[in-house]
N, C-alpha and C. Protein backbone atom coordinates (compact mmCIF):
# COMPACT_ATOMS: atom_id res chain seq x y z
N UNK A 1 52.55 -168.37 -10.31
CA UNK A 1 52.20 -167.47 -9.03
C UNK A 1 52.18 -167.68 -8.02
N UNK A 2 51.28 -169.25 -7.74
CA UNK A 2 50.85 -169.72 -6.54
C UNK A 2 52.13 -170.24 -5.77
N UNK A 3 52.98 -170.50 -6.55
CA UNK A 3 54.20 -171.02 -5.97
C UNK A 3 54.87 -169.89 -5.17
N UNK A 4 55.00 -168.57 -6.26
CA UNK A 4 55.40 -167.64 -5.54
C UNK A 4 54.80 -167.01 -4.07
N UNK A 5 53.28 -167.18 -4.22
CA UNK A 5 52.98 -166.98 -3.45
C UNK A 5 53.35 -167.87 -1.97
N UNK A 6 53.19 -168.99 -2.22
CA UNK A 6 53.31 -170.43 -1.19
C UNK A 6 54.77 -169.89 -0.59
N UNK A 7 55.87 -169.99 -1.28
CA UNK A 7 57.23 -169.23 -1.07
C UNK A 7 57.14 -168.35 -0.24
N UNK A 8 56.22 -167.05 -0.54
CA UNK A 8 56.77 -166.24 0.42
C UNK A 8 55.54 -165.63 1.54
N UNK A 9 54.90 -167.10 1.84
CA UNK A 9 54.29 -166.85 3.11
C UNK A 9 55.52 -167.75 4.03
N UNK A 10 55.93 -169.09 3.33
CA UNK A 10 56.52 -169.36 4.04
C UNK A 10 57.45 -169.02 4.38
N UNK A 11 58.08 -167.78 3.86
CA UNK A 11 59.63 -167.07 4.14
C UNK A 11 59.10 -166.37 5.81
N UNK A 12 57.87 -166.06 5.39
CA UNK A 12 57.32 -164.83 6.05
C UNK A 12 57.00 -165.65 7.85
N UNK A 13 56.19 -166.84 7.04
CA UNK A 13 56.39 -167.55 8.56
C UNK A 13 57.92 -168.06 9.39
N UNK A 14 58.67 -168.38 8.65
CA UNK A 14 60.12 -168.86 9.25
C UNK A 14 60.76 -167.29 10.04
N UNK A 15 60.35 -166.14 9.64
CA UNK A 15 61.06 -165.04 10.04
C UNK A 15 60.42 -164.99 11.07
N UNK A 16 58.87 -164.79 11.15
CA UNK A 16 57.86 -164.84 12.45
C UNK A 16 58.68 -165.34 13.54
N UNK A 17 58.23 -167.15 12.90
CA UNK A 17 59.07 -167.74 14.07
C UNK A 17 60.51 -167.32 14.94
N UNK A 18 61.02 -166.95 13.64
CA UNK A 18 62.54 -166.68 14.23
C UNK A 18 62.82 -165.53 15.02
N UNK A 19 61.91 -164.70 14.69
CA UNK A 19 61.83 -163.53 15.55
C UNK A 19 61.37 -163.73 16.92
N UNK A 20 60.06 -164.59 17.00
CA UNK A 20 59.59 -165.28 18.62
C UNK A 20 60.56 -165.49 19.23
N UNK A 21 61.49 -166.13 18.86
CA UNK A 21 62.58 -167.26 19.42
C UNK A 21 63.68 -166.25 19.99
N UNK A 22 63.75 -165.16 19.05
CA UNK A 22 65.02 -164.21 19.38
C UNK A 22 64.42 -163.27 20.33
N UNK A 23 63.47 -163.12 20.55
CA UNK A 23 62.97 -162.47 21.22
C UNK A 23 62.41 -162.79 22.99
N UNK A 24 62.91 -164.17 22.98
CA UNK A 24 63.12 -164.71 23.97
C UNK A 24 61.52 -165.35 24.43
N UNK A 25 60.43 -165.47 23.51
CA UNK A 25 59.63 -166.03 23.78
C UNK A 25 59.33 -167.32 24.19
N UNK A 26 58.58 -168.52 24.87
CA UNK A 26 58.96 -169.56 25.26
C UNK A 26 58.05 -169.84 24.26
N UNK A 27 57.71 -171.40 23.77
CA UNK A 27 56.59 -172.17 23.42
C UNK A 27 55.54 -172.60 24.51
N UNK A 28 54.41 -172.85 24.04
CA UNK A 28 52.99 -173.22 24.95
C UNK A 28 52.53 -174.52 24.65
N UNK A 29 51.96 -175.19 25.66
CA UNK A 29 51.53 -176.48 25.50
C UNK A 29 50.35 -176.68 26.09
N UNK A 30 49.27 -176.75 25.31
CA UNK A 30 47.93 -177.49 26.08
C UNK A 30 47.85 -179.23 25.62
N UNK A 31 47.39 -179.66 26.87
CA UNK A 31 47.16 -181.02 27.12
C UNK A 31 46.02 -181.65 27.07
N UNK A 32 45.46 -182.42 26.40
CA UNK A 32 44.26 -182.70 26.18
C UNK A 32 43.77 -183.57 27.52
N UNK A 33 44.80 -184.47 28.26
CA UNK A 33 44.53 -185.15 29.64
C UNK A 33 46.16 -185.21 29.80
N UNK A 34 46.67 -185.61 31.40
CA UNK A 34 47.84 -185.78 31.14
C UNK A 34 48.12 -187.52 32.24
N UNK A 35 46.95 -188.24 32.69
CA UNK A 35 46.94 -189.03 33.00
C UNK A 35 45.73 -190.10 32.16
N UNK A 36 46.04 -191.29 32.01
CA UNK A 36 45.11 -192.22 31.44
C UNK A 36 45.06 -193.63 32.51
N UNK A 37 43.66 -193.83 32.84
CA UNK A 37 43.44 -195.11 33.61
C UNK A 37 43.20 -196.19 32.86
N UNK A 38 44.07 -197.39 32.25
CA UNK A 38 43.93 -198.19 31.21
C UNK A 38 42.96 -199.31 31.76
N UNK A 39 42.96 -199.24 32.81
CA UNK A 39 41.58 -200.13 33.22
C UNK A 39 42.20 -201.45 33.53
N UNK A 40 41.52 -202.40 33.11
CA UNK A 40 41.95 -204.32 33.36
C UNK A 40 42.47 -204.23 32.05
N UNK A 41 43.77 -204.53 32.21
CA UNK A 41 44.79 -205.22 30.70
C UNK A 41 44.94 -206.29 30.97
N UNK A 42 45.51 -206.97 29.51
CA UNK A 42 45.61 -208.27 29.72
C UNK A 42 47.33 -208.80 29.88
N UNK A 43 47.86 -209.59 30.45
CA UNK A 43 49.41 -209.97 30.86
C UNK A 43 49.83 -210.37 29.47
N UNK A 44 51.26 -209.76 29.52
CA UNK A 44 52.17 -209.59 28.58
C UNK A 44 51.23 -209.95 26.90
N UNK A 45 50.17 -208.61 27.03
CA UNK A 45 49.60 -208.21 25.74
C UNK A 45 49.71 -206.85 25.73
N UNK A 46 51.06 -206.03 24.84
CA UNK A 46 50.92 -204.90 25.31
C UNK A 46 50.43 -203.87 24.75
N UNK A 47 49.70 -202.97 25.73
CA UNK A 47 48.44 -202.24 25.36
C UNK A 47 49.33 -200.60 25.14
N UNK A 48 48.70 -200.18 24.14
CA UNK A 48 48.90 -198.53 23.57
C UNK A 48 48.17 -197.47 23.92
N UNK A 49 48.33 -196.73 24.54
CA UNK A 49 47.34 -195.06 24.79
C UNK A 49 48.03 -194.10 24.22
N UNK A 50 47.22 -192.80 23.67
CA UNK A 50 47.83 -192.00 23.16
C UNK A 50 47.53 -190.68 23.92
N UNK A 51 48.49 -189.67 24.11
CA UNK A 51 48.78 -188.46 24.73
C UNK A 51 48.71 -186.93 23.89
N UNK A 52 47.41 -186.41 24.08
CA UNK A 52 47.28 -185.49 22.43
C UNK A 52 47.21 -184.05 23.07
N UNK A 53 48.37 -183.39 22.33
CA UNK A 53 48.62 -182.19 22.86
C UNK A 53 48.56 -181.17 21.61
N UNK A 54 48.15 -179.66 22.08
CA UNK A 54 48.42 -178.64 21.01
C UNK A 54 49.62 -177.49 21.02
N UNK A 55 49.54 -176.90 20.22
CA UNK A 55 50.56 -175.48 19.79
C UNK A 55 49.55 -174.26 20.15
N UNK A 56 49.68 -173.75 21.27
CA UNK A 56 48.40 -172.68 21.00
C UNK A 56 49.12 -171.38 21.28
N UNK A 57 50.78 -171.55 20.78
CA UNK A 57 51.38 -170.11 21.09
C UNK A 57 51.79 -170.17 19.04
N UNK A 58 53.05 -169.33 19.20
CA UNK A 58 53.67 -168.75 17.97
C UNK A 58 54.83 -169.53 18.04
N UNK A 59 55.76 -170.20 19.15
CA UNK A 59 57.08 -170.50 18.92
C UNK A 59 56.79 -172.05 18.61
N UNK A 60 57.48 -172.69 17.91
CA UNK A 60 57.33 -174.44 17.93
C UNK A 60 57.42 -174.78 18.78
N UNK A 61 56.71 -175.92 19.36
CA UNK A 61 57.31 -176.95 20.63
C UNK A 61 58.15 -178.02 20.18
N UNK A 62 59.09 -178.25 20.40
CA UNK A 62 60.35 -179.15 20.62
C UNK A 62 60.32 -179.96 21.78
N UNK A 63 60.14 -181.34 21.44
CA UNK A 63 60.49 -182.04 22.61
C UNK A 63 61.57 -182.70 22.64
N UNK A 64 62.29 -182.32 23.77
CA UNK A 64 63.88 -182.89 23.41
C UNK A 64 63.89 -184.11 23.97
N UNK A 65 63.16 -184.38 24.93
CA UNK A 65 63.32 -186.19 25.16
C UNK A 65 62.41 -186.60 26.03
N UNK A 66 62.18 -187.76 26.02
CA UNK A 66 60.86 -188.57 26.88
C UNK A 66 61.00 -189.67 28.06
N UNK A 67 61.13 -189.67 28.93
CA UNK A 67 61.59 -190.41 29.62
C UNK A 67 60.57 -191.53 30.46
N UNK A 68 60.93 -192.84 30.42
CA UNK A 68 59.70 -193.67 31.24
C UNK A 68 60.20 -193.93 32.43
N UNK A 69 58.82 -194.89 33.52
CA UNK A 69 59.72 -194.94 35.04
C UNK A 69 59.93 -196.50 34.81
N UNK A 70 59.95 -197.24 33.53
CA UNK A 70 60.66 -198.59 33.81
C UNK A 70 60.75 -198.64 32.31
N UNK A 71 61.34 -199.97 32.15
CA UNK A 71 61.72 -200.46 30.88
C UNK A 71 60.40 -201.09 30.11
N UNK A 72 59.38 -201.19 31.05
CA UNK A 72 58.06 -201.71 30.09
C UNK A 72 57.29 -200.87 29.73
N UNK A 73 57.36 -199.79 29.71
CA UNK A 73 56.73 -198.72 29.24
C UNK A 73 57.28 -197.70 28.39
N UNK A 74 57.41 -198.01 27.25
CA UNK A 74 57.86 -197.65 26.09
C UNK A 74 57.25 -196.33 25.03
N UNK A 75 57.62 -195.34 25.10
CA UNK A 75 57.02 -193.76 24.76
C UNK A 75 57.83 -193.80 23.26
N UNK A 76 56.65 -193.22 22.21
CA UNK A 76 56.81 -192.43 21.53
C UNK A 76 56.42 -191.00 21.06
N UNK A 77 57.29 -190.31 20.19
CA UNK A 77 56.98 -189.05 20.42
C UNK A 77 57.45 -188.32 18.76
N UNK A 78 57.00 -187.08 18.79
CA UNK A 78 57.19 -186.60 17.20
C UNK A 78 58.85 -186.17 17.58
N UNK A 79 59.39 -186.00 16.58
CA UNK A 79 60.87 -185.88 16.81
C UNK A 79 61.41 -184.57 16.03
N UNK A 80 59.85 -184.04 15.28
CA UNK A 80 59.99 -182.45 14.80
C UNK A 80 59.17 -181.59 15.21
N UNK A 81 59.38 -180.44 14.99
CA UNK A 81 59.23 -179.54 15.84
C UNK A 81 57.27 -179.27 15.78
N UNK A 82 56.33 -179.05 16.58
CA UNK A 82 55.43 -178.98 16.66
C UNK A 82 54.91 -177.35 16.04
N UNK A 83 54.26 -177.20 15.15
CA UNK A 83 54.25 -176.08 14.54
C UNK A 83 52.73 -175.31 15.48
N UNK A 84 52.68 -173.65 15.39
CA UNK A 84 51.87 -173.12 16.10
C UNK A 84 50.08 -173.62 15.23
N UNK A 85 49.65 -173.75 16.32
CA UNK A 85 47.91 -174.55 15.72
C UNK A 85 48.05 -175.87 15.31
N UNK A 86 49.53 -176.72 15.39
CA UNK A 86 49.17 -177.60 15.11
C UNK A 86 49.06 -179.04 16.73
N UNK A 87 48.96 -179.75 16.57
CA UNK A 87 49.01 -180.78 17.18
C UNK A 87 49.87 -181.67 17.39
N UNK A 88 50.27 -182.59 18.29
CA UNK A 88 51.29 -183.58 18.75
C UNK A 88 50.86 -184.68 19.00
N UNK A 89 51.41 -185.81 19.14
CA UNK A 89 50.56 -187.14 19.78
C UNK A 89 52.02 -187.61 20.58
N UNK A 90 51.83 -188.40 21.95
CA UNK A 90 53.05 -189.26 22.38
C UNK A 90 52.04 -190.07 22.50
N UNK A 91 52.96 -191.63 21.99
CA UNK A 91 52.53 -193.02 22.35
C UNK A 91 52.89 -193.54 23.55
N UNK A 92 52.39 -194.28 24.18
CA UNK A 92 52.88 -194.96 25.38
C UNK A 92 52.23 -196.37 25.14
N UNK A 93 53.17 -197.08 24.81
CA UNK A 93 53.11 -198.94 25.05
C UNK A 93 53.28 -199.26 26.36
N UNK A 94 52.52 -199.96 27.35
CA UNK A 94 52.60 -200.42 28.19
C UNK A 94 52.53 -202.53 27.84
N UNK A 95 53.92 -202.97 28.41
CA UNK A 95 53.95 -204.37 28.11
C UNK A 95 54.18 -205.34 29.68
N UNK A 96 52.70 -205.46 30.33
CA UNK A 96 53.12 -205.97 31.79
C UNK A 96 53.62 -207.59 31.56
N UNK A 97 54.29 -207.63 32.61
CA UNK A 97 55.31 -209.13 32.64
C UNK A 97 54.54 -209.61 34.06
N UNK A 98 53.84 -208.79 35.32
CA UNK A 98 53.43 -209.11 36.30
C UNK A 98 51.79 -208.84 36.10
N UNK A 99 50.88 -209.72 37.20
CA UNK A 99 50.12 -209.41 37.59
C UNK A 99 49.34 -208.28 38.82
N UNK A 100 48.69 -207.02 38.84
CA UNK A 100 48.45 -206.26 39.81
C UNK A 100 48.44 -205.15 39.27
N UNK A 101 48.04 -204.21 40.27
CA UNK A 101 47.77 -202.66 40.32
C UNK A 101 49.46 -202.09 39.43
N UNK A 102 49.24 -201.42 38.73
CA UNK A 102 50.45 -200.52 38.49
C UNK A 102 50.08 -199.16 38.09
N UNK A 103 51.63 -198.22 38.37
CA UNK A 103 51.28 -196.82 38.38
C UNK A 103 52.28 -196.67 37.35
N UNK A 104 52.36 -195.69 36.78
CA UNK A 104 53.93 -195.73 35.36
C UNK A 104 53.97 -194.32 35.31
N UNK A 105 55.06 -193.07 35.49
CA UNK A 105 55.19 -192.11 34.82
C UNK A 105 55.86 -191.75 33.64
N UNK A 106 55.50 -191.36 32.64
CA UNK A 106 56.23 -190.71 31.61
C UNK A 106 56.74 -189.36 31.91
N UNK A 107 57.66 -188.97 31.79
CA UNK A 107 58.30 -187.49 32.03
C UNK A 107 58.86 -186.79 30.22
N UNK A 108 58.13 -185.90 29.80
CA UNK A 108 58.31 -185.04 28.96
C UNK A 108 59.21 -183.78 28.73
N UNK A 109 60.01 -183.66 28.39
CA UNK A 109 61.26 -182.34 28.51
C UNK A 109 60.80 -181.46 27.11
N UNK A 110 60.49 -180.12 27.14
CA UNK A 110 60.33 -179.44 26.11
C UNK A 110 60.96 -178.03 26.39
N UNK A 111 60.69 -176.86 25.36
CA UNK A 111 60.99 -176.01 25.22
C UNK A 111 59.62 -174.92 25.76
N UNK A 112 59.17 -175.91 26.02
CA UNK A 112 57.92 -174.79 26.60
C UNK A 112 58.55 -173.80 28.34
N UNK A 113 57.59 -172.98 28.26
CA UNK A 113 57.69 -172.30 30.17
C UNK A 113 57.89 -173.43 31.01
N UNK A 114 56.91 -174.56 31.07
CA UNK A 114 57.30 -175.70 32.11
C UNK A 114 58.66 -176.38 32.16
N UNK A 115 59.01 -176.48 30.90
CA UNK A 115 59.50 -177.21 30.18
C UNK A 115 59.92 -179.04 31.11
N UNK A 116 59.10 -179.18 31.73
CA UNK A 116 58.98 -180.62 32.07
C UNK A 116 57.52 -181.26 32.44
N UNK A 117 56.96 -181.86 31.66
CA UNK A 117 55.67 -182.37 31.93
C UNK A 117 55.60 -183.79 32.37
N UNK A 118 54.50 -184.28 33.38
CA UNK A 118 54.75 -185.63 33.46
C UNK A 118 53.32 -186.34 33.43
N UNK A 119 53.41 -187.35 32.62
CA UNK A 119 52.15 -188.07 32.07
C UNK A 119 52.28 -188.76 32.78
N UNK A 120 50.51 -189.76 33.19
CA UNK A 120 50.57 -190.98 34.00
C UNK A 120 49.75 -191.51 33.57
N UNK A 121 49.97 -193.31 33.45
CA UNK A 121 49.39 -194.78 33.32
C UNK A 121 48.81 -195.21 34.24
N UNK A 122 47.81 -195.74 34.21
CA UNK A 122 47.58 -196.54 35.78
C UNK A 122 46.91 -197.53 35.30
N UNK A 123 46.41 -198.76 35.57
CA UNK A 123 45.56 -199.64 35.88
C UNK A 123 45.82 -201.30 36.15
N UNK A 124 45.14 -202.08 35.96
CA UNK A 124 45.44 -203.33 36.67
C UNK A 124 45.85 -204.22 35.62
N UNK A 125 46.78 -205.25 35.93
CA UNK A 125 46.60 -206.40 34.88
C UNK A 125 46.09 -207.61 35.35
N UNK A 126 45.55 -208.26 34.45
CA UNK A 126 44.96 -209.17 34.83
C UNK A 126 45.30 -210.89 33.97
N UNK A 127 45.31 -211.79 34.56
CA UNK A 127 45.88 -213.11 34.06
C UNK A 127 44.62 -213.09 33.12
């Protein structure tokens, strides 16, 4: 009986998502923050930060691509859709080769109404 109920709920959820997409609804996304000041970080020691987002809508969020402004900044992002009510995380690792101030941009491409979101990291690399 429990398996039947779970299967039925799963089918209803899938139909609801399909109907939302078919009706032309777009996904929505809420970011906890879009900028991180990493402060002072050591040279040649990778530092990782996270950007958390939530799906407050009914349409799953699909991250189509993520690009960074340079090869020293490596993003990791969810490859599966982020369903309604769930949260996702994008991790950004910065590996500094030079000392001094830095500012980097990470561009997120999604199926949301905004389509493109930019995330920012900045800080100072110290020896």
